[in-house]
Amino acid sequence: MKSRDEHGEEIALIERVKELSCLYQIASIGAVHHSEPEIALEKIVHQLPAAWMFSELATAEISIDRWHFTSNNLPKSPHVQRAIINIDQKK
C-alpha cells in the first residue's frame, strides 16, 4: 500500500506528464500551422484543457486582436487562470 506522500508524488508526476504532453501538442500545432495563425489558435485552444487536473471541467479561451477562441462555453466561475502572451514583442 502506498503512503500518502507516495500517492501525492504519483499524482504530481501524472499531472506533469499531462502538462508536458500538452506543450508538445501545442508546439506540434505551431510547427504544422506556422503560417496559419487562426487555424493554429483554434486547434491550440481545444488542446489546452487537457493540461489541467480536472480537464473535463476546464475551458480555455484565447483572445488576440480580432480573434477570439474558446474550447467550449465559458463558465460563470470565479476560478480563473490568466496569462498575457507576447508575440513579436506585442502583448
PDB file of N, CA and C in Angstrom:
ATOM      1  N   MET A   1       0.839  -1.179   0.000  1.00  0.00           N
ATOM      2  CA  MET A   1       0.000   0.000   0.000  1.00  0.00           C
ATOM      3  C   MET A   1       0.889   1.249   0.000  1.00  0.00           C
ATOM      4  N   LYS A   2       0.503   2.212  -0.817  1.00  0.00           N
ATOM      5  CA  LYS A   2       1.299   3.431  -0.939  1.00  0.00           C
ATOM      6  C   LYS A   2       1.000   4.378   0.214  1.00  0.00           C
ATOM      7  N   SER A   3       2.041   5.080   0.629  1.00  0.00           N
ATOM      8  CA  SER A   3       1.850   6.103   1.648  1.00  0.00           C
ATOM      9  C   SER A   3       1.206   7.328   1.001  1.00  0.00           C
ATOM     10  N   ARG A   4       0.726   8.218   1.840  1.00  0.00           N
ATOM     11  CA  ARG A   4       0.107   9.447   1.338  1.00  0.00           C
ATOM     12  C   ARG A   4       1.101  10.249   0.506  1.00  0.00           C
ATOM     13  N   ASP A   5       2.364  10.308   0.944  1.00  0.00           N
ATOM     14  CA  ASP A   5       3.401  11.037   0.201  1.00  0.00           C
ATOM     15  C   ASP A   5       3.649  10.407  -1.158  1.00  0.00           C
ATOM     16  N   GLU A   6       3.713   9.085  -1.211  1.00  0.00           N
ATOM     17  CA  GLU A   6       3.936   8.389  -2.489  1.00  0.00           C
ATOM     18  C   GLU A   6       2.765   8.623  -3.431  1.00  0.00           C
ATOM     19  N   HIS A   7       1.561   8.599  -2.888  1.00  0.00           N
ATOM     20  CA  HIS A   7       0.376   8.834  -3.713  1.00  0.00           C
ATOM     21  C   HIS A   7       0.388  10.265  -4.261  1.00  0.00           C
ATOM     22  N   GLY A   8       0.757  11.224  -3.404  1.00  0.00           N
ATOM     23  CA  GLY A   8       0.841  12.614  -3.842  1.00  0.00           C
ATOM     24  C   GLY A   8       1.895  12.822  -4.917  1.00  0.00           C
ATOM     25  N   GLU A   9       3.022  12.155  -4.769  1.00  0.00           N
ATOM     26  CA  GLU A   9       4.087  12.246  -5.774  1.00  0.00           C
ATOM     27  C   GLU A   9       3.646  11.636  -7.099  1.00  0.00           C
ATOM     28  N   GLU A  10       2.895  10.547  -7.027  1.00  0.00           N
ATOM     29  CA  GLU A  10       2.403   9.903  -8.245  1.00  0.00           C
ATOM     30  C   GLU A  10       1.422  10.817  -8.978  1.00  0.00           C
ATOM     31  N   ILE A  11       0.534  11.445  -8.233  1.00  0.00           N
ATOM     32  CA  ILE A  11      -0.416  12.382  -8.847  1.00  0.00           C
ATOM     33  C   ILE A  11       0.326  13.558  -9.463  1.00  0.00           C
ATOM     34  N   ALA A  12       1.307  14.092  -8.759  1.00  0.00           N
ATOM     35  CA  ALA A  12       2.092  15.213  -9.282  1.00  0.00           C
ATOM     36  C   ALA A  12       2.806  14.824 -10.574  1.00  0.00           C
ATOM     37  N   LEU A  13       3.334  13.624 -10.619  1.00  0.00           N
ATOM     38  CA  LEU A  13       4.019  13.162 -11.824  1.00  0.00           C
ATOM     39  C   LEU A  13       3.042  13.000 -12.984  1.00  0.00           C
ATOM     40  N   ILE A  14       1.885  12.436 -12.715  1.00  0.00           N
ATOM     41  CA  ILE A  14       0.861  12.276 -13.762  1.00  0.00           C
ATOM     42  C   ILE A  14       0.462  13.642 -14.315  1.00  0.00           C
ATOM     43  N   GLU A  15       0.258  14.608 -13.430  1.00  0.00           N
ATOM     44  CA  GLU A  15      -0.125  15.951 -13.869  1.00  0.00           C
ATOM     45  C   GLU A  15       0.979  16.616 -14.670  1.00  0.00           C
ATOM     46  N   ARG A  16       2.220  16.413 -14.285  1.00  0.00           N
ATOM     47  CA  ARG A  16       3.353  16.992 -15.025  1.00  0.00           C
ATOM     48  C   ARG A  16       3.445  16.393 -16.423  1.00  0.00           C
ATOM     49  N   VAL A  17       3.206  15.097 -16.533  1.00  0.00           N
ATOM     50  CA  VAL A  17       3.214  14.448 -17.845  1.00  0.00           C
ATOM     51  C   VAL A  17       2.106  15.034 -18.723  1.00  0.00           C
ATOM     52  N   LYS A  18       0.933  15.287 -18.147  1.00  0.00           N
ATOM     53  CA  LYS A  18      -0.158  15.914 -18.900  1.00  0.00           C
ATOM     54  C   LYS A  18       0.254  17.294 -19.401  1.00  0.00           C
ATOM     55  N   GLU A  19       0.900  18.080 -18.535  1.00  0.00           N
ATOM     56  CA  GLU A  19       1.345  19.410 -18.927  1.00  0.00           C
ATOM     57  C   GLU A  19       2.356  19.351 -20.071  1.00  0.00           C
ATOM     58  N   LEU A  20       3.334  18.472 -19.933  1.00  0.00           N
ATOM     59  CA  LEU A  20       4.364  18.349 -20.967  1.00  0.00           C
ATOM     60  C   LEU A  20       3.783  17.825 -22.274  1.00  0.00           C
ATOM     61  N   SER A  21       2.839  16.910 -22.188  1.00  0.00           N
ATOM     62  CA  SER A  21       2.175  16.398 -23.397  1.00  0.00           C
ATOM     63  C   SER A  21       1.415  17.516 -24.103  1.00  0.00           C
ATOM     64  N   CYS A  22       0.757  18.355 -23.315  1.00  0.00           N
ATOM     65  CA  CYS A  22       0.031  19.480 -23.889  1.00  0.00           C
ATOM     66  C   CYS A  22       0.997  20.448 -24.577  1.00  0.00           C
ATOM     67  N   LEU A  23       2.104  20.754 -23.925  1.00  0.00           N
ATOM     68  CA  LEU A  23       3.103  21.633 -24.537  1.00  0.00           C
ATOM     69  C   LEU A  23       3.640  21.059 -25.841  1.00  0.00           C
ATOM     70  N   TYR A  24       3.855  19.756 -25.864  1.00  0.00           N
ATOM     71  CA  TYR A  24       4.322  19.103 -27.080  1.00  0.00           C
ATOM     72  C   TYR A  24       3.278  19.243 -28.191  1.00  0.00           C
ATOM     73  N   GLN A  25       2.012  19.012 -27.851  1.00  0.00           N
ATOM     74  CA  GLN A  25       0.946  19.136 -28.851  1.00  0.00           C
ATOM     75  C   GLN A  25       0.850  20.569 -29.387  1.00  0.00           C
ATOM     76  N   ILE A  26       0.987  21.546 -28.495  1.00  0.00           N
ATOM     77  CA  ILE A  26       0.939  22.944 -28.925  1.00  0.00           C
ATOM     78  C   ILE A  26       2.111  23.269 -29.846  1.00  0.00           C
ATOM     79  N   ALA A  27       3.291  22.794 -29.511  1.00  0.00           N
ATOM     80  CA  ALA A  27       4.462  23.007 -30.372  1.00  0.00           C
ATOM     81  C   ALA A  27       4.261  22.347 -31.729  1.00  0.00           C
ATOM     82  N   SER A  28       3.678  21.158 -31.728  1.00  0.00           N
ATOM     83  CA  SER A  28       3.417  20.451 -32.990  1.00  0.00           C
ATOM     84  C   SER A  28       2.411  21.216 -33.845  1.00  0.00           C
ATOM     85  N   ILE A  29       1.366  21.731 -33.213  1.00  0.00           N
ATOM     86  CA  ILE A  29       0.370  22.528 -33.944  1.00  0.00           C
ATOM     87  C   ILE A  29       1.048  23.767 -34.540  1.00  0.00           C
ATOM     88  N   GLY A  30       1.875  24.428 -33.738  1.00  0.00           N
ATOM     89  CA  GLY A  30       2.583  25.617 -34.227  1.00  0.00           C
ATOM     90  C   GLY A  30       3.499  25.301 -35.392  1.00  0.00           C
ATOM     91  N   ALA A  31       4.147  24.151 -35.350  1.00  0.00           N
ATOM     92  CA  ALA A  31       5.053  23.766 -36.438  1.00  0.00           C
ATOM     93  C   ALA A  31       4.288  23.490 -37.726  1.00  0.00           C
ATOM     94  N   VAL A  32       3.151  22.838 -37.606  1.00  0.00           N
ATOM     95  CA  VAL A  32       2.367  22.480 -38.793  1.00  0.00           C
ATOM     96  C   VAL A  32       1.648  23.702 -39.373  1.00  0.00           C
ATOM     97  N   HIS A  33       1.138  24.564 -38.511  1.00  0.00           N
ATOM     98  CA  HIS A  33       0.316  25.699 -38.952  1.00  0.00           C
ATOM     99  C   HIS A  33       1.004  27.047 -38.707  1.00  0.00           C
ATOM    100  N   HIS A  34       2.333  27.079 -38.812  1.00  0.00           N
ATOM    101  CA  HIS A  34       3.071  28.310 -38.516  1.00  0.00           C
ATOM    102  C   HIS A  34       2.673  29.483 -39.395  1.00  0.00           C
ATOM    103  N   SER A  35       2.195  29.235 -40.595  1.00  0.00           N
ATOM    104  CA  SER A  35       1.797  30.327 -41.485  1.00  0.00           C
ATOM    105  C   SER A  35       0.285  30.553 -41.481  1.00  0.00           C
ATOM    106  N   GLU A  36      -0.414  29.833 -40.586  1.00  0.00           N
ATOM    107  CA  GLU A  36      -1.869  29.965 -40.484  1.00  0.00           C
ATOM    108  C   GLU A  36      -2.251  30.183 -39.019  1.00  0.00           C
ATOM    109  N   PRO A  37      -1.997  31.373 -38.479  1.00  0.00           N
ATOM    110  CA  PRO A  37      -2.205  31.589 -37.038  1.00  0.00           C
ATOM    111  C   PRO A  37      -3.635  31.344 -36.572  1.00  0.00           C
ATOM    112  N   GLU A  38      -4.615  31.678 -37.383  1.00  0.00           N
ATOM    113  CA  GLU A  38      -6.006  31.474 -36.962  1.00  0.00           C
ATOM    114  C   GLU A  38      -6.311  29.984 -36.781  1.00  0.00           C
ATOM    115  N   ILE A  39      -5.846  29.161 -37.696  1.00  0.00           N
ATOM    116  CA  ILE A  39      -6.047  27.713 -37.581  1.00  0.00           C
ATOM    117  C   ILE A  39      -5.278  27.168 -36.387  1.00  0.00           C
ATOM    118  N   ALA A  40      -4.042  27.637 -36.205  1.00  0.00           N
ATOM    119  CA  ALA A  40      -3.226  27.176 -35.078  1.00  0.00           C
ATOM    120  C   ALA A  40      -3.895  27.509 -33.751  1.00  0.00           C
ATOM    121  N   LEU A  41      -4.374  28.728 -33.593  1.00  0.00           N
ATOM    122  CA  LEU A  41      -5.009  29.132 -32.345  1.00  0.00           C
ATOM    123  C   LEU A  41      -6.290  28.351 -32.074  1.00  0.00           C
ATOM    124  N   GLU A  42      -7.059  28.105 -33.100  1.00  0.00           N
ATOM    125  CA  GLU A  42      -8.288  27.306 -32.954  1.00  0.00           C
ATOM    126  C   GLU A  42      -7.960  25.904 -32.441  1.00  0.00           C
ATOM    127  N   LYS A  43      -6.930  25.298 -32.979  1.00  0.00           N
ATOM    128  CA  LYS A  43      -6.520  23.963 -32.542  1.00  0.00           C
ATOM    129  C   LYS A  43      -5.920  23.993 -31.136  1.00  0.00           C
ATOM    130  N   ILE A  44      -5.127  25.005 -30.849  1.00  0.00           N
ATOM    131  CA  ILE A  44      -4.466  25.120 -29.545  1.00  0.00           C
ATOM    132  C   ILE A  44      -5.495  25.295 -28.429  1.00  0.00           C
ATOM    133  N   VAL A  45      -6.502  26.128 -28.640  1.00  0.00           N
ATOM    134  CA  VAL A  45      -7.483  26.374 -27.582  1.00  0.00           C
ATOM    135  C   VAL A  45      -8.196  25.085 -27.172  1.00  0.00           C
ATOM    136  N   HIS A  46      -8.357  24.175 -28.109  1.00  0.00           N
ATOM    137  CA  HIS A  46      -9.001  22.895 -27.785  1.00  0.00           C
ATOM    138  C   HIS A  46      -8.030  21.920 -27.121  1.00  0.00           C
ATOM    139  N   GLN A  47      -6.756  22.159 -27.256  1.00  0.00           N
ATOM    140  CA  GLN A  47      -5.738  21.303 -26.642  1.00  0.00           C
ATOM    141  C   GLN A  47      -5.476  21.696 -25.183  1.00  0.00           C
ATOM    142  N   LEU A  48      -5.613  22.959 -24.856  1.00  0.00           N
ATOM    143  CA  LEU A  48      -5.239  23.479 -23.537  1.00  0.00           C
ATOM    144  C   LEU A  48      -5.923  22.816 -22.338  1.00  0.00           C
ATOM    145  N   PRO A  49      -7.224  22.559 -22.364  1.00  0.00           N
ATOM    146  CA  PRO A  49      -7.843  21.971 -21.168  1.00  0.00           C
ATOM    147  C   PRO A  49      -7.214  20.642 -20.728  1.00  0.00           C
ATOM    148  N   ALA A  50      -6.632  19.915 -21.638  1.00  0.00           N
ATOM    149  CA  ALA A  50      -6.010  18.632 -21.290  1.00  0.00           C
ATOM    150  C   ALA A  50      -4.872  18.788 -20.290  1.00  0.00           C
ATOM    151  N   ALA A  51      -4.318  19.979 -20.155  1.00  0.00           N
ATOM    152  CA  ALA A  51      -3.194  20.198 -19.242  1.00  0.00           C
ATOM    153  C   ALA A  51      -3.638  20.359 -17.784  1.00  0.00           C
ATOM    154  N   TRP A  52      -4.904  20.672 -17.557  1.00  0.00           N
ATOM    155  CA  TRP A  52      -5.375  20.901 -16.189  1.00  0.00           C
ATOM    156  C   TRP A  52      -5.769  19.606 -15.495  1.00  0.00           C
ATOM    157  N   MET A  53      -5.714  19.629 -14.173  1.00  0.00           N
ATOM    158  CA  MET A  53      -6.014  18.435 -13.391  1.00  0.00           C
ATOM    159  C   MET A  53      -7.423  17.920 -13.672  1.00  0.00           C
ATOM    160  N   PHE A  54      -8.393  18.772 -13.685  1.00  0.00           N
ATOM    161  CA  PHE A  54      -9.769  18.366 -13.959  1.00  0.00           C
ATOM    162  C   PHE A  54     -10.143  18.864 -15.354  1.00  0.00           C
ATOM    163  N   SER A  55      -9.517  18.273 -16.349  1.00  0.00           N
ATOM    164  CA  SER A  55      -9.648  18.752 -17.724  1.00  0.00           C
ATOM    165  C   SER A  55     -11.085  18.731 -18.229  1.00  0.00           C
ATOM    166  N   GLU A  56     -11.880  17.803 -17.723  1.00  0.00           N
ATOM    167  CA  GLU A  56     -13.276  17.729 -18.169  1.00  0.00           C
ATOM    168  C   GLU A  56     -14.080  18.949 -17.706  1.00  0.00           C
ATOM    169  N   LEU A  57     -13.584  19.681 -16.712  1.00  0.00           N
ATOM    170  CA  LEU A  57     -14.253  20.876 -16.216  1.00  0.00           C
ATOM    171  C   LEU A  57     -13.616  22.163 -16.726  1.00  0.00           C
ATOM    172  N   ALA A  58     -12.473  22.045 -17.368  1.00  0.00           N
ATOM    173  CA  ALA A  58     -11.706  23.220 -17.789  1.00  0.00           C
ATOM    174  C   ALA A  58     -12.197  23.765 -19.131  1.00  0.00           C
ATOM    175  N   THR A  59     -12.079  25.063 -19.261  1.00  0.00           N
ATOM    176  CA  THR A  59     -12.378  25.757 -20.518  1.00  0.00           C
ATOM    177  C   THR A  59     -11.209  26.680 -20.816  1.00  0.00           C
ATOM    178  N   ALA A  60     -10.778  26.684 -22.045  1.00  0.00           N
ATOM    179  CA  ALA A  60      -9.690  27.572 -22.453  1.00  0.00           C
ATOM    180  C   ALA A  60     -10.258  28.661 -23.362  1.00  0.00           C
ATOM    181  N   GLU A  61      -9.646  29.831 -23.254  1.00  0.00           N
ATOM    182  CA  GLU A  61     -10.046  30.966 -24.084  1.00  0.00           C
ATOM    183  C   GLU A  61      -8.787  31.678 -24.549  1.00  0.00           C
ATOM    184  N   ILE A  62      -8.748  32.013 -25.828  1.00  0.00           N
ATOM    185  CA  ILE A  62      -7.649  32.802 -26.389  1.00  0.00           C
ATOM    186  C   ILE A  62      -8.264  33.986 -27.119  1.00  0.00           C
ATOM    187  N   SER A  63      -7.826  35.187 -26.748  1.00  0.00           N
ATOM    188  CA  SER A  63      -8.263  36.414 -27.424  1.00  0.00           C
ATOM    189  C   SER A  63      -7.029  37.160 -27.895  1.00  0.00           C
ATOM    190  N   ILE A  64      -6.946  37.351 -29.189  1.00  0.00           N
ATOM    191  CA  ILE A  64      -5.836  38.089 -29.782  1.00  0.00           C
ATOM    192  C   ILE A  64      -6.406  38.969 -30.891  1.00  0.00           C
ATOM    193  N   ASP A  65      -6.233  40.271 -30.718  1.00  0.00           N
ATOM    194  CA  ASP A  65      -6.714  41.232 -31.707  1.00  0.00           C
ATOM    195  C   ASP A  65      -8.149  40.917 -32.107  1.00  0.00           C
ATOM    196  N   ARG A  66      -8.379  40.579 -33.346  1.00  0.00           N
ATOM    197  CA  ARG A  66      -9.734  40.330 -33.851  1.00  0.00           C
ATOM    198  C   ARG A  66     -10.197  38.896 -33.643  1.00  0.00           C
ATOM    199  N   TRP A  67      -9.320  38.043 -33.147  1.00  0.00           N
ATOM    200  CA  TRP A  67      -9.650  36.626 -32.980  1.00  0.00           C
ATOM    201  C   TRP A  67     -10.038  36.312 -31.546  1.00  0.00           C
ATOM    202  N   HIS A  68     -11.028  35.457 -31.405  1.00  0.00           N
ATOM    203  CA  HIS A  68     -11.467  35.004 -30.082  1.00  0.00           C
ATOM    204  C   HIS A  68     -11.872  33.537 -30.219  1.00  0.00           C
ATOM    205  N   PHE A  69     -11.228  32.686 -29.426  1.00  0.00           N
ATOM    206  CA  PHE A  69     -11.481  31.252 -29.481  1.00  0.00           C
ATOM    207  C   PHE A  69     -11.755  30.719 -28.079  1.00  0.00           C
ATOM    208  N   THR A  70     -12.678  29.782 -27.953  1.00  0.00           N
ATOM    209  CA  THR A  70     -12.901  29.086 -26.684  1.00  0.00           C
ATOM    210  C   THR A  70     -13.046  27.596 -26.973  1.00  0.00           C
ATOM    211  N   SER A  71     -12.649  26.793 -26.000  1.00  0.00           N
ATOM    212  CA  SER A  71     -12.750  25.339 -26.183  1.00  0.00           C
ATOM    213  C   SER A  71     -14.184  24.863 -25.985  1.00  0.00           C
ATOM    214  N   ASN A  72     -14.966  25.578 -25.224  1.00  0.00           N
ATOM    215  CA  ASN A  72     -16.408  25.353 -25.071  1.00  0.00           C
ATOM    216  C   ASN A  72     -16.983  26.584 -24.371  1.00  0.00           C
ATOM    217  N   ASN A  73     -18.232  26.546 -23.970  1.00  0.00           N
ATOM    218  CA  ASN A  73     -18.837  27.718 -23.331  1.00  0.00           C
ATOM    219  C   ASN A  73     -18.094  28.090 -22.057  1.00  0.00           C
ATOM    220  N   LEU A  74     -17.886  29.374 -21.872  1.00  0.00           N
ATOM    221  CA  LEU A  74     -17.190  29.845 -20.676  1.00  0.00           C
ATOM    222  C   LEU A  74     -18.117  29.748 -19.465  1.00  0.00           C
ATOM    223  N   PRO A  75     -17.627  29.133 -18.390  1.00  0.00           N
ATOM    224  CA  PRO A  75     -18.454  29.027 -17.184  1.00  0.00           C
ATOM    225  C   PRO A  75     -18.489  30.349 -16.426  1.00  0.00           C
ATOM    226  N   LYS A  76     -19.484  30.496 -15.585  1.00  0.00           N
ATOM    227  CA  LYS A  76     -19.562  31.675 -14.719  1.00  0.00           C
ATOM    228  C   LYS A  76     -18.947  31.295 -13.385  1.00  0.00           C
ATOM    229  N   SER A  77     -17.659  31.086 -13.396  1.00  0.00           N
ATOM    230  CA  SER A  77     -16.933  30.602 -12.229  1.00  0.00           C
ATOM    231  C   SER A  77     -15.900  31.624 -11.781  1.00  0.00           C
ATOM    232  N   PRO A  78     -15.680  31.716 -10.477  1.00  0.00           N
ATOM    233  CA  PRO A  78     -14.655  32.645 -10.007  1.00  0.00           C
ATOM    234  C   PRO A  78     -13.233  32.105 -10.176  1.00  0.00           C
ATOM    235  N   HIS A  79     -13.080  30.899 -10.632  1.00  0.00           N
ATOM    236  CA  HIS A  79     -11.772  30.271 -10.757  1.00  0.00           C
ATOM    237  C   HIS A  79     -11.207  30.536 -12.150  1.00  0.00           C
ATOM    238  N   VAL A  80     -10.202  31.395 -12.216  1.00  0.00           N
ATOM    239  CA  VAL A  80      -9.638  31.814 -13.489  1.00  0.00           C
ATOM    240  C   VAL A  80      -8.121  31.789 -13.395  1.00  0.00           C
ATOM    241  N   GLN A  81      -7.502  31.378 -14.464  1.00  0.00           N
ATOM    242  CA  GLN A  81      -6.047  31.458 -14.587  1.00  0.00           C
ATOM    243  C   GLN A  81      -5.779  32.226 -15.871  1.00  0.00           C
ATOM    244  N   ARG A  82      -5.028  33.305 -15.777  1.00  0.00           N
ATOM    245  CA  ARG A  82      -4.775  34.146 -16.951  1.00  0.00           C
ATOM    246  C   ARG A  82      -3.286  34.269 -17.184  1.00  0.00           C
ATOM    247  N   ALA A  83      -2.952  34.450 -18.454  1.00  0.00           N
ATOM    248  CA  ALA A  83      -1.561  34.713 -18.822  1.00  0.00           C
ATOM    249  C   ALA A  83      -1.565  35.622 -20.045  1.00  0.00           C
ATOM    250  N   ILE A  84      -0.764  36.653 -19.986  1.00  0.00           N
ATOM    251  CA  ILE A  84      -0.582  37.527 -21.142  1.00  0.00           C
ATOM    252  C   ILE A  84       0.553  36.929 -21.961  1.00  0.00           C
ATOM    253  N   ILE A  85       0.314  36.783 -23.242  1.00  0.00           N
ATOM    254  CA  ILE A  85       1.285  36.177 -24.138  1.00  0.00           C
ATOM    255  C   ILE A  85       1.864  37.262 -25.030  1.00  0.00           C
ATOM    256  N   ASN A  86       3.166  37.317 -25.122  1.00  0.00           N
ATOM    257  CA  ASN A  86       3.845  38.267 -26.004  1.00  0.00           C
ATOM    258  C   ASN A  86       4.176  37.599 -27.330  1.00  0.00           C
ATOM    259  N   ILE A  87       3.771  38.249 -28.406  1.00  0.00           N
ATOM    260  CA  ILE A  87       4.086  37.772 -29.750  1.00  0.00           C
ATOM    261  C   ILE A  87       4.715  38.934 -30.489  1.00  0.00           C
ATOM    262  N   ASP A  88       5.922  38.721 -30.974  1.00  0.00           N
ATOM    263  CA  ASP A  88       6.668  39.778 -31.656  1.00  0.00           C
ATOM    264  C   ASP A  88       6.718  41.055 -30.810  1.00  0.00           C
ATOM    265  N   GLN A  89       7.022  40.899 -29.530  1.00  0.00           N
ATOM    266  CA  GLN A  89       7.169  41.987 -28.574  1.00  0.00           C
ATOM    267  C   GLN A  89       5.884  42.805 -28.397  1.00  0.00           C
ATOM    268  N   LYS A  90       4.750  42.184 -28.655  1.00  0.00           N
ATOM    269  CA  LYS A  90       3.458  42.839 -28.504  1.00  0.00           C
ATOM    270  C   LYS A  90       2.605  41.978 -27.563  1.00  0.00           C
ATOM    271  N   LYS A  91       1.947  42.607 -26.586  1.00  0.00           N
ATOM    272  CA  LYS A  91       1.088  41.870 -25.653  1.00  0.00           C
ATOM    273  C   LYS A  91      -0.218  41.521 -26.301  1.00  0.00           C
TER     274      LYS A  91
END
